[in-house]
Amino acid sequence: MLNANPVNWFDLPTTDLERAVGFYNRVFEMEIAITEMFGKEIAFFPNDWEENGAAGALTGSTVNKPSAEGSCVYFACSDDLQSSLDRVVAAGGKVLQEKTAIGDNGFIAHALDTEGNRIGLHSRV
């Protein structure tokens, strides 16, 4: 049986890991750093294994390619997502969909990161 939040992990592929780390650090005002695991460079997003929700990383993958099509990872913004969305262009990305109401579930927006991945942003306000 699956947990209440069944997604456990995600990888966002990159073509330039340092550039991608800079983008996510700036947009979401976080500090992620590149580390090495199993002989490959990877940058882990902050996570708390005791809480619900998925953890993930930016990877310098040679198998997966960045894509604006297909799956979309949504980042939870603790405050109004607009402040993060406002930093997207300054960080080298592109806004694809402005902040949009989704009823009782809050708001979403879509952006393209520096690597060409479409990402979602979500907030309750």
PDB file of N, CA and C in Angstrom:
ATOM      1  N   MET A   1       0.837  -1.177   0.000  1.00  0.00           N
ATOM      2  CA  MET A   1       0.000   0.000   0.000  1.00  0.00           C
ATOM      3  C   MET A   1       0.886   1.246   0.000  1.00  0.00           C
ATOM      4  N   LEU A   2       0.488   2.252  -0.741  1.00  0.00           N
ATOM      5  CA  LEU A   2       1.254   3.490  -0.827  1.00  0.00           C
ATOM      6  C   LEU A   2       1.014   4.378   0.381  1.00  0.00           C
ATOM      7  N   ASN A   3       2.011   5.212   0.670  1.00  0.00           N
ATOM      8  CA  ASN A   3       1.860   6.217   1.721  1.00  0.00           C
ATOM      9  C   ASN A   3       0.874   7.289   1.271  1.00  0.00           C
ATOM     10  N   ALA A   4       0.498   8.163   2.206  1.00  0.00           N
ATOM     11  CA  ALA A   4      -0.422   9.259   1.887  1.00  0.00           C
ATOM     12  C   ALA A   4       0.141  10.150   0.774  1.00  0.00           C
ATOM     13  N   ASN A   5       1.431  10.381   0.776  1.00  0.00           N
ATOM     14  CA  ASN A   5       2.119  11.110  -0.290  1.00  0.00           C
ATOM     15  C   ASN A   5       3.103  10.130  -0.933  1.00  0.00           C
ATOM     16  N   PRO A   6       2.694   9.438  -2.003  1.00  0.00           N
ATOM     17  CA  PRO A   6       3.479   8.328  -2.525  1.00  0.00           C
ATOM     18  C   PRO A   6       4.747   8.701  -3.284  1.00  0.00           C
ATOM     19  N   VAL A   7       4.917   9.946  -3.704  1.00  0.00           N
ATOM     20  CA  VAL A   7       6.135  10.310  -4.422  1.00  0.00           C
ATOM     21  C   VAL A   7       7.261  10.471  -3.408  1.00  0.00           C
ATOM     22  N   ASN A   8       8.348   9.768  -3.625  1.00  0.00           N
ATOM     23  CA  ASN A   8       9.440   9.731  -2.674  1.00  0.00           C
ATOM     24  C   ASN A   8      10.662  10.510  -3.148  1.00  0.00           C
ATOM     25  N   TRP A   9      10.892  10.549  -4.449  1.00  0.00           N
ATOM     26  CA  TRP A   9      12.120  11.146  -4.950  1.00  0.00           C
ATOM     27  C   TRP A   9      11.917  11.680  -6.354  1.00  0.00           C
ATOM     28  N   PHE A  10      12.653  12.742  -6.710  1.00  0.00           N
ATOM     29  CA  PHE A  10      12.683  13.205  -8.091  1.00  0.00           C
ATOM     30  C   PHE A  10      14.088  13.659  -8.436  1.00  0.00           C
ATOM     31  N   ASP A  11      14.456  13.506  -9.695  1.00  0.00           N
ATOM     32  CA  ASP A  11      15.694  14.043 -10.250  1.00  0.00           C
ATOM     33  C   ASP A  11      15.316  15.071 -11.299  1.00  0.00           C
ATOM     34  N   LEU A  12      15.950  16.215 -11.262  1.00  0.00           N
ATOM     35  CA  LEU A  12      15.827  17.198 -12.335  1.00  0.00           C
ATOM     36  C   LEU A  12      17.155  17.181 -13.091  1.00  0.00           C
ATOM     37  N   PRO A  13      17.150  16.730 -14.343  1.00  0.00           N
ATOM     38  CA  PRO A  13      18.407  16.658 -15.089  1.00  0.00           C
ATOM     39  C   PRO A  13      18.912  18.039 -15.474  1.00  0.00           C
ATOM     40  N   THR A  14      20.221  18.163 -15.580  1.00  0.00           N
ATOM     41  CA  THR A  14      20.844  19.429 -15.941  1.00  0.00           C
ATOM     42  C   THR A  14      21.879  19.205 -17.029  1.00  0.00           C
ATOM     43  N   THR A  15      22.183  20.268 -17.754  1.00  0.00           N
ATOM     44  CA  THR A  15      23.317  20.238 -18.671  1.00  0.00           C
ATOM     45  C   THR A  15      24.483  21.015 -18.078  1.00  0.00           C
ATOM     46  N   ASP A  16      24.195  21.899 -17.111  1.00  0.00           N
ATOM     47  CA  ASP A  16      25.212  22.676 -16.410  1.00  0.00           C
ATOM     48  C   ASP A  16      24.788  22.732 -14.942  1.00  0.00           C
ATOM     49  N   LEU A  17      25.316  21.815 -14.156  1.00  0.00           N
ATOM     50  CA  LEU A  17      24.888  21.667 -12.761  1.00  0.00           C
ATOM     51  C   LEU A  17      25.132  22.930 -11.947  1.00  0.00           C
ATOM     52  N   GLU A  18      26.266  23.585 -12.131  1.00  0.00           N
ATOM     53  CA  GLU A  18      26.547  24.814 -11.375  1.00  0.00           C
ATOM     54  C   GLU A  18      25.540  25.909 -11.705  1.00  0.00           C
ATOM     55  N   ARG A  19      25.213  26.055 -12.979  1.00  0.00           N
ATOM     56  CA  ARG A  19      24.228  27.065 -13.379  1.00  0.00           C
ATOM     57  C   ARG A  19      22.869  26.745 -12.775  1.00  0.00           C
ATOM     58  N   ALA A  20      22.477  25.467 -12.792  1.00  0.00           N
ATOM     59  CA  ALA A  20      21.189  25.058 -12.238  1.00  0.00           C
ATOM     60  C   ALA A  20      21.129  25.313 -10.735  1.00  0.00           C
ATOM     61  N   VAL A  21      22.193  24.997 -10.020  1.00  0.00           N
ATOM     62  CA  VAL A  21      22.249  25.257  -8.577  1.00  0.00           C
ATOM     63  C   VAL A  21      22.070  26.748  -8.317  1.00  0.00           C
ATOM     64  N   GLY A  22      22.736  27.581  -9.091  1.00  0.00           N
ATOM     65  CA  GLY A  22      22.596  29.029  -8.935  1.00  0.00           C
ATOM     66  C   GLY A  22      21.159  29.487  -9.159  1.00  0.00           C
ATOM     67  N   PHE A  23      20.490  28.929 -10.165  1.00  0.00           N
ATOM     68  CA  PHE A  23      19.099  29.282 -10.455  1.00  0.00           C
ATOM     69  C   PHE A  23      18.200  28.948  -9.266  1.00  0.00           C
ATOM     70  N   TYR A  24      18.245  27.725  -8.786  1.00  0.00           N
ATOM     71  CA  TYR A  24      17.350  27.304  -7.694  1.00  0.00           C
ATOM     72  C   TYR A  24      17.686  28.007  -6.387  1.00  0.00           C
ATOM     73  N   ASN A  25      18.968  28.225  -6.120  1.00  0.00           N
ATOM     74  CA  ASN A  25      19.341  28.973  -4.915  1.00  0.00           C
ATOM     75  C   ASN A  25      18.759  30.381  -4.956  1.00  0.00           C
ATOM     76  N   ARG A  26      18.803  31.013  -6.107  1.00  0.00           N
ATOM     77  CA  ARG A  26      18.325  32.399  -6.225  1.00  0.00           C
ATOM     78  C   ARG A  26      16.802  32.475  -6.204  1.00  0.00           C
ATOM     79  N   VAL A  27      16.143  31.631  -6.993  1.00  0.00           N
ATOM     80  CA  VAL A  27      14.683  31.700  -7.092  1.00  0.00           C
ATOM     81  C   VAL A  27      14.013  31.365  -5.767  1.00  0.00           C
ATOM     82  N   PHE A  28      14.473  30.313  -5.103  1.00  0.00           N
ATOM     83  CA  PHE A  28      13.819  29.864  -3.877  1.00  0.00           C
ATOM     84  C   PHE A  28      14.553  30.274  -2.604  1.00  0.00           C
ATOM     85  N   GLU A  29      15.567  31.118  -2.757  1.00  0.00           N
ATOM     86  CA  GLU A  29      16.334  31.626  -1.614  1.00  0.00           C
ATOM     87  C   GLU A  29      16.738  30.502  -0.677  1.00  0.00           C
ATOM     88  N   MET A  30      17.406  29.507  -1.242  1.00  0.00           N
ATOM     89  CA  MET A  30      17.886  28.359  -0.477  1.00  0.00           C
ATOM     90  C   MET A  30      19.370  28.187  -0.732  1.00  0.00           C
ATOM     91  N   GLU A  31      19.964  27.309  -0.002  1.00  0.00           N
ATOM     92  CA  GLU A  31      21.375  27.004  -0.194  1.00  0.00           C
ATOM     93  C   GLU A  31      21.525  25.519  -0.469  1.00  0.00           C
ATOM     94  N   ILE A  32      21.648  25.173  -1.748  1.00  0.00           N
ATOM     95  CA  ILE A  32      21.992  23.800  -2.095  1.00  0.00           C
ATOM     96  C   ILE A  32      23.394  23.839  -2.677  1.00  0.00           C
ATOM     97  N   ALA A  33      24.104  22.770  -2.513  1.00  0.00           N
ATOM     98  CA  ALA A  33      25.489  22.717  -2.967  1.00  0.00           C
ATOM     99  C   ALA A  33      25.732  21.416  -3.720  1.00  0.00           C
ATOM    100  N   ILE A  34      26.717  21.458  -4.576  1.00  0.00           N
ATOM    101  CA  ILE A  34      27.089  20.275  -5.352  1.00  0.00           C
ATOM    102  C   ILE A  34      27.947  19.381  -4.482  1.00  0.00           C
ATOM    103  N   THR A  35      27.638  18.106  -4.524  1.00  0.00           N
ATOM    104  CA  THR A  35      28.417  17.108  -3.808  1.00  0.00           C
ATOM    105  C   THR A  35      28.646  15.930  -4.752  1.00  0.00           C
ATOM    106  N   GLU A  36      29.403  14.970  -4.325  1.00  0.00           N
ATOM    107  CA  GLU A  36      29.653  13.801  -5.159  1.00  0.00           C
ATOM    108  C   GLU A  36      29.043  12.567  -4.513  1.00  0.00           C
ATOM    109  N   MET A  37      28.419  11.744  -5.340  1.00  0.00           N
ATOM    110  CA  MET A  37      27.834  10.500  -4.859  1.00  0.00           C
ATOM    111  C   MET A  37      28.017   9.449  -5.942  1.00  0.00           C
ATOM    112  N   PHE A  38      28.597   8.346  -5.584  1.00  0.00           N
ATOM    113  CA  PHE A  38      28.837   7.250  -6.530  1.00  0.00           C
ATOM    114  C   PHE A  38      29.612   7.728  -7.762  1.00  0.00           C
ATOM    115  N   GLY A  39      30.546   8.642  -7.537  1.00  0.00           N
ATOM    116  CA  GLY A  39      31.393   9.124  -8.616  1.00  0.00           C
ATOM    117  C   GLY A  39      30.754  10.154  -9.530  1.00  0.00           C
ATOM    118  N   LYS A  40      29.567  10.639  -9.181  1.00  0.00           N
ATOM    119  CA  LYS A  40      28.882  11.637  -9.997  1.00  0.00           C
ATOM    120  C   LYS A  40      28.527  12.848  -9.144  1.00  0.00           C
ATOM    121  N   GLU A  41      28.478  14.013  -9.781  1.00  0.00           N
ATOM    122  CA  GLU A  41      28.076  15.220  -9.078  1.00  0.00           C
ATOM    123  C   GLU A  41      26.558  15.301  -8.996  1.00  0.00           C
ATOM    124  N   ILE A  42      26.081  15.776  -7.837  1.00  0.00           N
ATOM    125  CA  ILE A  42      24.653  15.888  -7.572  1.00  0.00           C
ATOM    126  C   ILE A  42      24.443  17.025  -6.585  1.00  0.00           C
ATOM    127  N   ALA A  43      23.285  17.672  -6.646  1.00  0.00           N
ATOM    128  CA  ALA A  43      22.956  18.749  -5.702  1.00  0.00           C
ATOM    129  C   ALA A  43      21.587  18.435  -5.112  1.00  0.00           C
ATOM    130  N   PHE A  44      21.555  18.124  -3.827  1.00  0.00           N
ATOM    131  CA  PHE A  44      20.321  17.737  -3.148  1.00  0.00           C
ATOM    132  C   PHE A  44      19.528  18.961  -2.699  1.00  0.00           C
ATOM    133  N   PHE A  45      18.221  18.939  -2.956  1.00  0.00           N
ATOM    134  CA  PHE A  45      17.338  19.955  -2.397  1.00  0.00           C
ATOM    135  C   PHE A  45      17.180  19.675  -0.908  1.00  0.00           C
ATOM    136  N   PRO A  46      16.962  20.726  -0.097  1.00  0.00           N
ATOM    137  CA  PRO A  46      16.735  20.504   1.334  1.00  0.00           C
ATOM    138  C   PRO A  46      15.547  19.560   1.538  1.00  0.00           C
ATOM    139  N   ASN A  47      15.648  18.701   2.524  1.00  0.00           N
ATOM    140  CA  ASN A  47      14.526  17.806   2.818  1.00  0.00           C
ATOM    141  C   ASN A  47      14.557  17.376   4.273  1.00  0.00           C
ATOM    142  N   ASP A  48      13.427  16.920   4.721  1.00  0.00           N
ATOM    143  CA  ASP A  48      13.279  16.370   6.064  1.00  0.00           C
ATOM    144  C   ASP A  48      12.614  15.017   5.900  1.00  0.00           C
ATOM    145  N   TRP A  49      13.369  13.961   6.071  1.00  0.00           N
ATOM    146  CA  TRP A  49      12.855  12.608   5.831  1.00  0.00           C
ATOM    147  C   TRP A  49      11.722  12.236   6.772  1.00  0.00           C
ATOM    148  N   GLU A  50      11.541  12.993   7.841  1.00  0.00           N
ATOM    149  CA  GLU A  50      10.459  12.703   8.789  1.00  0.00           C
ATOM    150  C   GLU A  50       9.129  13.320   8.369  1.00  0.00           C
ATOM    151  N   GLU A  51       9.159  14.217   7.390  1.00  0.00           N
ATOM    152  CA  GLU A  51       7.951  14.894   6.932  1.00  0.00           C
ATOM    153  C   GLU A  51       7.433  14.261   5.643  1.00  0.00           C
ATOM    154  N   ASN A  52       6.161  14.505   5.336  1.00  0.00           N
ATOM    155  CA  ASN A  52       5.596  14.043   4.073  1.00  0.00           C
ATOM    156  C   ASN A  52       6.127  14.892   2.937  1.00  0.00           C
ATOM    157  N   GLY A  53       6.068  14.350   1.742  1.00  0.00           N
ATOM    158  CA  GLY A  53       6.515  15.072   0.563  1.00  0.00           C
ATOM    159  C   GLY A  53       7.755  14.433  -0.020  1.00  0.00           C
ATOM    160  N   ALA A  54       8.095  14.838  -1.209  1.00  0.00           N
ATOM    161  CA  ALA A  54       9.210  14.235  -1.928  1.00  0.00           C
ATOM    162  C   ALA A  54      10.501  15.017  -1.728  1.00  0.00           C
ATOM    163  N   ALA A  55      11.589  14.294  -1.736  1.00  0.00           N
ATOM    164  CA  ALA A  55      12.916  14.885  -1.756  1.00  0.00           C
ATOM    165  C   ALA A  55      13.434  14.745  -3.184  1.00  0.00           C
ATOM    166  N   GLY A  56      14.479  15.488  -3.499  1.00  0.00           N
ATOM    167  CA  GLY A  56      14.993  15.384  -4.851  1.00  0.00           C
ATOM    168  C   GLY A  56      16.329  16.066  -5.010  1.00  0.00           C
ATOM    169  N   ALA A  57      16.809  16.027  -6.248  1.00  0.00           N
ATOM    170  CA  ALA A  57      18.131  16.562  -6.530  1.00  0.00           C
ATOM    171  C   ALA A  57      18.233  17.033  -7.968  1.00  0.00           C
ATOM    172  N   LEU A  58      19.199  17.911  -8.184  1.00  0.00           N
ATOM    173  CA  LEU A  58      19.625  18.278  -9.526  1.00  0.00           C
ATOM    174  C   LEU A  58      20.743  17.317  -9.888  1.00  0.00           C
ATOM    175  N   THR A  59      20.668  16.740 -11.066  1.00  0.00           N
ATOM    176  CA  THR A  59      21.665  15.754 -11.470  1.00  0.00           C
ATOM    177  C   THR A  59      22.291  16.141 -12.799  1.00  0.00           C
ATOM    178  N   GLY A  60      23.549  15.833 -12.938  1.00  0.00           N
ATOM    179  CA  GLY A  60      24.245  16.022 -14.206  1.00  0.00           C
ATOM    180  C   GLY A  60      24.089  14.769 -15.043  1.00  0.00           C
ATOM    181  N   SER A  61      22.870  14.408 -15.313  1.00  0.00           N
ATOM    182  CA  SER A  61      22.548  13.138 -15.951  1.00  0.00           C
ATOM    183  C   SER A  61      22.961  13.093 -17.421  1.00  0.00           C
ATOM    184  N   THR A  62      23.427  11.939 -17.818  1.00  0.00           N
ATOM    185  CA  THR A  62      23.677  11.691 -19.236  1.00  0.00           C
ATOM    186  C   THR A  62      22.566  10.832 -19.825  1.00  0.00           C
ATOM    187  N   VAL A  63      21.707  10.311 -18.974  1.00  0.00           N
ATOM    188  CA  VAL A  63      20.599   9.469 -19.425  1.00  0.00           C
ATOM    189  C   VAL A  63      19.353  10.309 -19.651  1.00  0.00           C
ATOM    190  N   ASN A  64      18.950  11.071 -18.638  1.00  0.00           N
ATOM    191  CA  ASN A  64      17.773  11.931 -18.748  1.00  0.00           C
ATOM    192  C   ASN A  64      18.197  13.298 -19.268  1.00  0.00           C
ATOM    193  N   LYS A  65      17.317  13.884 -20.046  1.00  0.00           N
ATOM    194  CA  LYS A  65      17.586  15.201 -20.618  1.00  0.00           C
ATOM    195  C   LYS A  65      16.574  16.205 -20.073  1.00  0.00           C
ATOM    196  N   PRO A  66      16.994  17.443 -19.837  1.00  0.00           N
ATOM    197  CA  PRO A  66      16.039  18.478 -19.426  1.00  0.00           C
ATOM    198  C   PRO A  66      14.917  18.588 -20.456  1.00  0.00           C
ATOM    199  N   SER A  67      13.706  18.865 -19.969  1.00  0.00           N
ATOM    200  CA  SER A  67      12.565  18.923 -20.880  1.00  0.00           C
ATOM    201  C   SER A  67      11.494  19.877 -20.375  1.00  0.00           C
ATOM    202  N   ALA A  68      10.891  20.580 -21.312  1.00  0.00           N
ATOM    203  CA  ALA A  68       9.748  21.439 -21.009  1.00  0.00           C
ATOM    204  C   ALA A  68       8.448  20.681 -21.237  1.00  0.00           C
ATOM    205  N   GLU A  69       8.542  19.437 -21.664  1.00  0.00           N
ATOM    206  CA  GLU A  69       7.371  18.602 -21.932  1.00  0.00           C
ATOM    207  C   GLU A  69       7.377  17.418 -20.974  1.00  0.00           C
ATOM    208  N   GLY A  70       6.232  16.857 -20.731  1.00  0.00           N
ATOM    209  CA  GLY A  70       6.161  15.691 -19.859  1.00  0.00           C
ATOM    210  C   GLY A  70       5.929  16.064 -18.412  1.00  0.00           C
ATOM    211  N   SER A  71       6.537  15.322 -17.515  1.00  0.00           N
ATOM    212  CA  SER A  71       6.323  15.512 -16.082  1.00  0.00           C
ATOM    213  C   SER A  71       6.740  16.902 -15.632  1.00  0.00           C
ATOM    214  N   CYS A  72       6.084  17.360 -14.568  1.00  0.00           N
ATOM    215  CA  CYS A  72       6.386  18.676 -14.007  1.00  0.00           C
ATOM    216  C   CYS A  72       6.496  18.544 -12.497  1.00  0.00           C
ATOM    217  N   VAL A  73       7.615  18.971 -11.938  1.00  0.00           N
ATOM    218  CA  VAL A  73       7.819  18.983 -10.496  1.00  0.00           C
ATOM    219  C   VAL A  73       7.331  20.327  -9.971  1.00  0.00           C
ATOM    220  N   TYR A  74       6.463  20.289  -8.952  1.00  0.00           N
ATOM    221  CA  TYR A  74       5.951  21.517  -8.333  1.00  0.00           C
ATOM    222  C   TYR A  74       6.704  21.779  -7.035  1.00  0.00           C
ATOM    223  N   PHE A  75       7.155  23.009  -6.867  1.00  0.00           N
ATOM    224  CA  PHE A  75       7.840  23.430  -5.655  1.00  0.00           C
ATOM    225  C   PHE A  75       6.856  24.180  -4.778  1.00  0.00           C
ATOM    226  N   ALA A  76       6.787  23.788  -3.516  1.00  0.00           N
ATOM    227  CA  ALA A  76       5.902  24.428  -2.548  1.00  0.00           C
ATOM    228  C   ALA A  76       6.548  25.714  -2.056  1.00  0.00           C
ATOM    229  N   CYS A  77       5.856  26.815  -2.245  1.00  0.00           N
ATOM    230  CA  CYS A  77       6.326  28.113  -1.770  1.00  0.00           C
ATOM    231  C   CYS A  77       5.579  28.418  -0.473  1.00  0.00           C
ATOM    232  N   SER A  78       6.307  28.639   0.611  1.00  0.00           N
ATOM    233  CA  SER A  78       5.662  28.826   1.907  1.00  0.00           C
ATOM    234  C   SER A  78       4.860  30.117   1.977  1.00  0.00           C
ATOM    235  N   ASP A  79       5.298  31.126   1.246  1.00  0.00           N
ATOM    236  CA  ASP A  79       4.563  32.387   1.169  1.00  0.00           C
ATOM    237  C   ASP A  79       3.953  32.484  -0.222  1.00  0.00           C
ATOM    238  N   ASP A  80       3.499  33.636  -0.594  1.00  0.00           N
ATOM    239  CA  ASP A  80       2.964  33.894  -1.924  1.00  0.00           C
ATOM    240  C   ASP A  80       4.010  33.513  -2.973  1.00  0.00           C
ATOM    241  N   LEU A  81       3.659  32.620  -3.901  1.00  0.00           N
ATOM    242  CA  LEU A  81       4.607  32.170  -4.917  1.00  0.00           C
ATOM    243  C   LEU A  81       5.103  33.297  -5.814  1.00  0.00           C
ATOM    244  N   GLN A  82       4.412  34.415  -5.826  1.00  0.00           N
ATOM    245  CA  GLN A  82       4.784  35.516  -6.707  1.00  0.00           C
ATOM    246  C   GLN A  82       6.205  35.997  -6.446  1.00  0.00           C
ATOM    247  N   SER A  83       6.639  36.003  -5.190  1.00  0.00           N
ATOM    248  CA  SER A  83       7.996  36.483  -4.891  1.00  0.00           C
ATOM    249  C   SER A  83       9.049  35.574  -5.535  1.00  0.00           C
ATOM    250  N   SER A  84       8.821  34.251  -5.519  1.00  0.00           N
ATOM    251  CA  SER A  84       9.743  33.330  -6.193  1.00  0.00           C
ATOM    252  C   SER A  84       9.649  33.496  -7.703  1.00  0.00           C
ATOM    253  N   LEU A  85       8.440  33.624  -8.213  1.00  0.00           N
ATOM    254  CA  LEU A  85       8.232  33.786  -9.650  1.00  0.00           C
ATOM    255  C   LEU A  85       8.904  35.062 -10.157  1.00  0.00           C
ATOM    256  N   ASP A  86       8.895  36.111  -9.357  1.00  0.00           N
ATOM    257  CA  ASP A  86       9.538  37.369  -9.737  1.00  0.00           C
ATOM    258  C   ASP A  86      11.050  37.203  -9.916  1.00  0.00           C
ATOM    259  N   ARG A  87      11.654  36.229  -9.253  1.00  0.00           N
ATOM    260  CA  ARG A  87      13.103  36.020  -9.344  1.00  0.00           C
ATOM    261  C   ARG A  87      13.503  35.101 -10.505  1.00  0.00           C
ATOM    262  N   VAL A  88      12.545  34.459 -11.160  1.00  0.00           N
ATOM    263  CA  VAL A  88      12.844  33.488 -12.216  1.00  0.00           C
ATOM    264  C   VAL A  88      13.652  34.110 -13.349  1.00  0.00           C
ATOM    265  N   VAL A  89      13.187  35.203 -13.916  1.00  0.00           N
ATOM    266  CA  VAL A  89      13.868  35.819 -15.065  1.00  0.00           C
ATOM    267  C   VAL A  89      15.249  36.332 -14.661  1.00  0.00           C
ATOM    268  N   ALA A  90      15.346  36.974 -13.496  1.00  0.00           N
ATOM    269  CA  ALA A  90      16.631  37.485 -13.020  1.00  0.00           C
ATOM    270  C   ALA A  90      17.644  36.361 -12.823  1.00  0.00           C
ATOM    271  N   ALA A  91      17.142  35.146 -12.547  1.00  0.00           N
ATOM    272  CA  ALA A  91      18.018  33.997 -12.330  1.00  0.00           C
ATOM    273  C   ALA A  91      18.322  33.252 -13.630  1.00  0.00           C
ATOM    274  N   GLY A  92      17.800  33.751 -14.755  1.00  0.00           N
ATOM    275  CA  GLY A  92      18.110  33.142 -16.044  1.00  0.00           C
ATOM    276  C   GLY A  92      17.026  32.255 -16.617  1.00  0.00           C
ATOM    277  N   GLY A  93      15.879  32.173 -15.934  1.00  0.00           N
ATOM    278  CA  GLY A  93      14.784  31.338 -16.409  1.00  0.00           C
ATOM    279  C   GLY A  93      13.740  32.140 -17.159  1.00  0.00           C
ATOM    280  N   LYS A  94      12.611  31.512 -17.401  1.00  0.00           N
ATOM    281  CA  LYS A  94      11.529  32.147 -18.157  1.00  0.00           C
ATOM    282  C   LYS A  94      10.196  31.785 -17.510  1.00  0.00           C
ATOM    283  N   VAL A  95       9.320  32.765 -17.344  1.00  0.00           N
ATOM    284  CA  VAL A  95       7.971  32.513 -16.830  1.00  0.00           C
ATOM    285  C   VAL A  95       7.118  32.004 -17.985  1.00  0.00           C
ATOM    286  N   LEU A  96       6.511  30.830 -17.797  1.00  0.00           N
ATOM    287  CA  LEU A  96       5.645  30.237 -18.818  1.00  0.00           C
ATOM    288  C   LEU A  96       4.176  30.511 -18.539  1.00  0.00           C
ATOM    289  N   GLN A  97       3.815  30.529 -17.269  1.00  0.00           N
ATOM    290  CA  GLN A  97       2.430  30.793 -16.858  1.00  0.00           C
ATOM    291  C   GLN A  97       2.471  31.636 -15.600  1.00  0.00           C
ATOM    292  N   GLU A  98       1.848  32.772 -15.644  1.00  0.00           N
ATOM    293  CA  GLU A  98       1.789  33.657 -14.478  1.00  0.00           C
ATOM    294  C   GLU A  98       0.992  32.987 -13.352  1.00  0.00           C
ATOM    295  N   LYS A  99       1.030  33.578 -12.182  1.00  0.00           N
ATOM    296  CA  LYS A  99       0.287  33.085 -11.026  1.00  0.00           C
ATOM    297  C   LYS A  99      -1.188  32.934 -11.405  1.00  0.00           C
ATOM    298  N   THR A 100      -1.715  31.746 -11.170  1.00  0.00           N
ATOM    299  CA  THR A 100      -3.073  31.406 -11.579  1.00  0.00           C
ATOM    300  C   THR A 100      -3.819  30.765 -10.408  1.00  0.00           C
ATOM    301  N   ALA A 101      -5.020  31.233 -10.129  1.00  0.00           N
ATOM    302  CA  ALA A 101      -5.831  30.662  -9.054  1.00  0.00           C
ATOM    303  C   ALA A 101      -6.308  29.271  -9.446  1.00  0.00           C
ATOM    304  N   ILE A 102      -6.286  28.359  -8.480  1.00  0.00           N
ATOM    305  CA  ILE A 102      -6.803  27.001  -8.689  1.00  0.00           C
ATOM    306  C   ILE A 102      -7.845  26.664  -7.612  1.00  0.00           C
ATOM    307  N   GLY A 103      -8.692  27.632  -7.319  1.00  0.00           N
ATOM    308  CA  GLY A 103      -9.769  27.435  -6.359  1.00  0.00           C
ATOM    309  C   GLY A 103      -9.272  27.291  -4.933  1.00  0.00           C
ATOM    310  N   ASP A 104      -9.879  26.373  -4.192  1.00  0.00           N
ATOM    311  CA  ASP A 104      -9.544  26.173  -2.783  1.00  0.00           C
ATOM    312  C   ASP A 104      -8.109  25.697  -2.564  1.00  0.00           C
ATOM    313  N   ASN A 105      -7.446  25.247  -3.629  1.00  0.00           N
ATOM    314  CA  ASN A 105      -6.086  24.721  -3.506  1.00  0.00           C
ATOM    315  C   ASN A 105      -5.007  25.785  -3.655  1.00  0.00           C
ATOM    316  N   GLY A 106      -5.398  27.039  -3.825  1.00  0.00           N
ATOM    317  CA  GLY A 106      -4.419  28.111  -3.868  1.00  0.00           C
ATOM    318  C   GLY A 106      -4.091  28.587  -5.261  1.00  0.00           C
ATOM    319  N   PHE A 107      -2.778  28.633  -5.555  1.00  0.00           N
ATOM    320  CA  PHE A 107      -2.287  29.215  -6.804  1.00  0.00           C
ATOM    321  C   PHE A 107      -1.128  28.392  -7.347  1.00  0.00           C
ATOM    322  N   ILE A 108      -0.994  28.413  -8.675  1.00  0.00           N
ATOM    323  CA  ILE A 108       0.152  27.787  -9.324  1.00  0.00           C
ATOM    324  C   ILE A 108       0.723  28.742 -10.363  1.00  0.00           C
ATOM    325  N   ALA A 109       1.937  28.465 -10.780  1.00  0.00           N
ATOM    326  CA  ALA A 109       2.590  29.143 -11.899  1.00  0.00           C
ATOM    327  C   ALA A 109       3.549  28.135 -12.507  1.00  0.00           C
ATOM    328  N   HIS A 110       3.964  28.370 -13.747  1.00  0.00           N
ATOM    329  CA  HIS A 110       4.952  27.514 -14.406  1.00  0.00           C
ATOM    330  C   HIS A 110       6.108  28.366 -14.894  1.00  0.00           C
ATOM    331  N   ALA A 111       7.301  27.783 -14.833  1.00  0.00           N
ATOM    332  CA  ALA A 111       8.501  28.465 -15.291  1.00  0.00           C
ATOM    333  C   ALA A 111       9.417  27.462 -15.977  1.00  0.00           C
ATOM    334  N   LEU A 112      10.343  27.988 -16.739  1.00  0.00           N
ATOM    335  CA  LEU A 112      11.387  27.192 -17.363  1.00  0.00           C
ATOM    336  C   LEU A 112      12.678  27.518 -16.642  1.00  0.00           C
ATOM    337  N   ASP A 113      13.369  26.501 -16.138  1.00  0.00           N
ATOM    338  CA  ASP A 113      14.633  26.771 -15.457  1.00  0.00           C
ATOM    339  C   ASP A 113      15.743  26.990 -16.476  1.00  0.00           C
ATOM    340  N   THR A 114      16.940  27.225 -16.017  1.00  0.00           N
ATOM    341  CA  THR A 114      18.063  27.507 -16.914  1.00  0.00           C
ATOM    342  C   THR A 114      18.452  26.310 -17.759  1.00  0.00           C
ATOM    343  N   GLU A 115      17.992  25.124 -17.381  1.00  0.00           N
ATOM    344  CA  GLU A 115      18.354  23.904 -18.090  1.00  0.00           C
ATOM    345  C   GLU A 115      17.322  23.479 -19.119  1.00  0.00           C
ATOM    346  N   GLY A 116      16.147  24.132 -19.094  1.00  0.00           N
ATOM    347  CA  GLY A 116      15.084  23.772 -20.017  1.00  0.00           C
ATOM    348  C   GLY A 116      14.014  22.894 -19.401  1.00  0.00           C
ATOM    349  N   ASN A 117      14.043  22.716 -18.081  1.00  0.00           N
ATOM    350  CA  ASN A 117      13.004  21.955 -17.377  1.00  0.00           C
ATOM    351  C   ASN A 117      11.835  22.871 -17.041  1.00  0.00           C
ATOM    352  N   ARG A 118      10.626  22.410 -17.339  1.00  0.00           N
ATOM    353  CA  ARG A 118       9.431  23.126 -16.885  1.00  0.00           C
ATOM    354  C   ARG A 118       9.206  22.737 -15.434  1.00  0.00           C
ATOM    355  N   ILE A 119       9.051  23.731 -14.575  1.00  0.00           N
ATOM    356  CA  ILE A 119       8.761  23.487 -13.168  1.00  0.00           C
ATOM    357  C   ILE A 119       7.485  24.227 -12.788  1.00  0.00           C
ATOM    358  N   GLY A 120       6.831  23.745 -11.752  1.00  0.00           N
ATOM    359  CA  GLY A 120       5.661  24.391 -11.222  1.00  0.00           C
ATOM    360  C   GLY A 120       5.953  25.001  -9.874  1.00  0.00           C
ATOM    361  N   LEU A 121       5.240  26.058  -9.532  1.00  0.00           N
ATOM    362  CA  LEU A 121       5.309  26.672  -8.226  1.00  0.00           C
ATOM    363  C   LEU A 121       3.901  26.639  -7.665  1.00  0.00           C
ATOM    364  N   HIS A 122       3.774  26.388  -6.375  1.00  0.00           N
ATOM    365  CA  HIS A 122       2.455  26.323  -5.737  1.00  0.00           C
ATOM    366  C   HIS A 122       2.497  27.050  -4.406  1.00  0.00           C
ATOM    367  N   SER A 123       1.444  27.785  -4.122  1.00  0.00           N
ATOM    368  CA  SER A 123       1.286  28.384  -2.792  1.00  0.00           C
ATOM    369  C   SER A 123      -0.201  28.442  -2.476  1.00  0.00           C
ATOM    370  N   ARG A 124      -0.492  28.534  -1.201  1.00  0.00           N
ATOM    371  CA  ARG A 124      -1.888  28.611  -0.762  1.00  0.00           C
ATOM    372  C   ARG A 124      -2.416  30.030  -0.884  1.00  0.00           C
ATOM    373  N   VAL A 125      -1.515  31.030  -0.961  1.00  0.00           N
ATOM    374  CA  VAL A 125      -1.933  32.443  -1.080  1.00  0.00           C
ATOM    375  C   VAL A 125      -1.407  33.059  -2.357  1.00  0.00           C
TER     376      VAL A 125
END
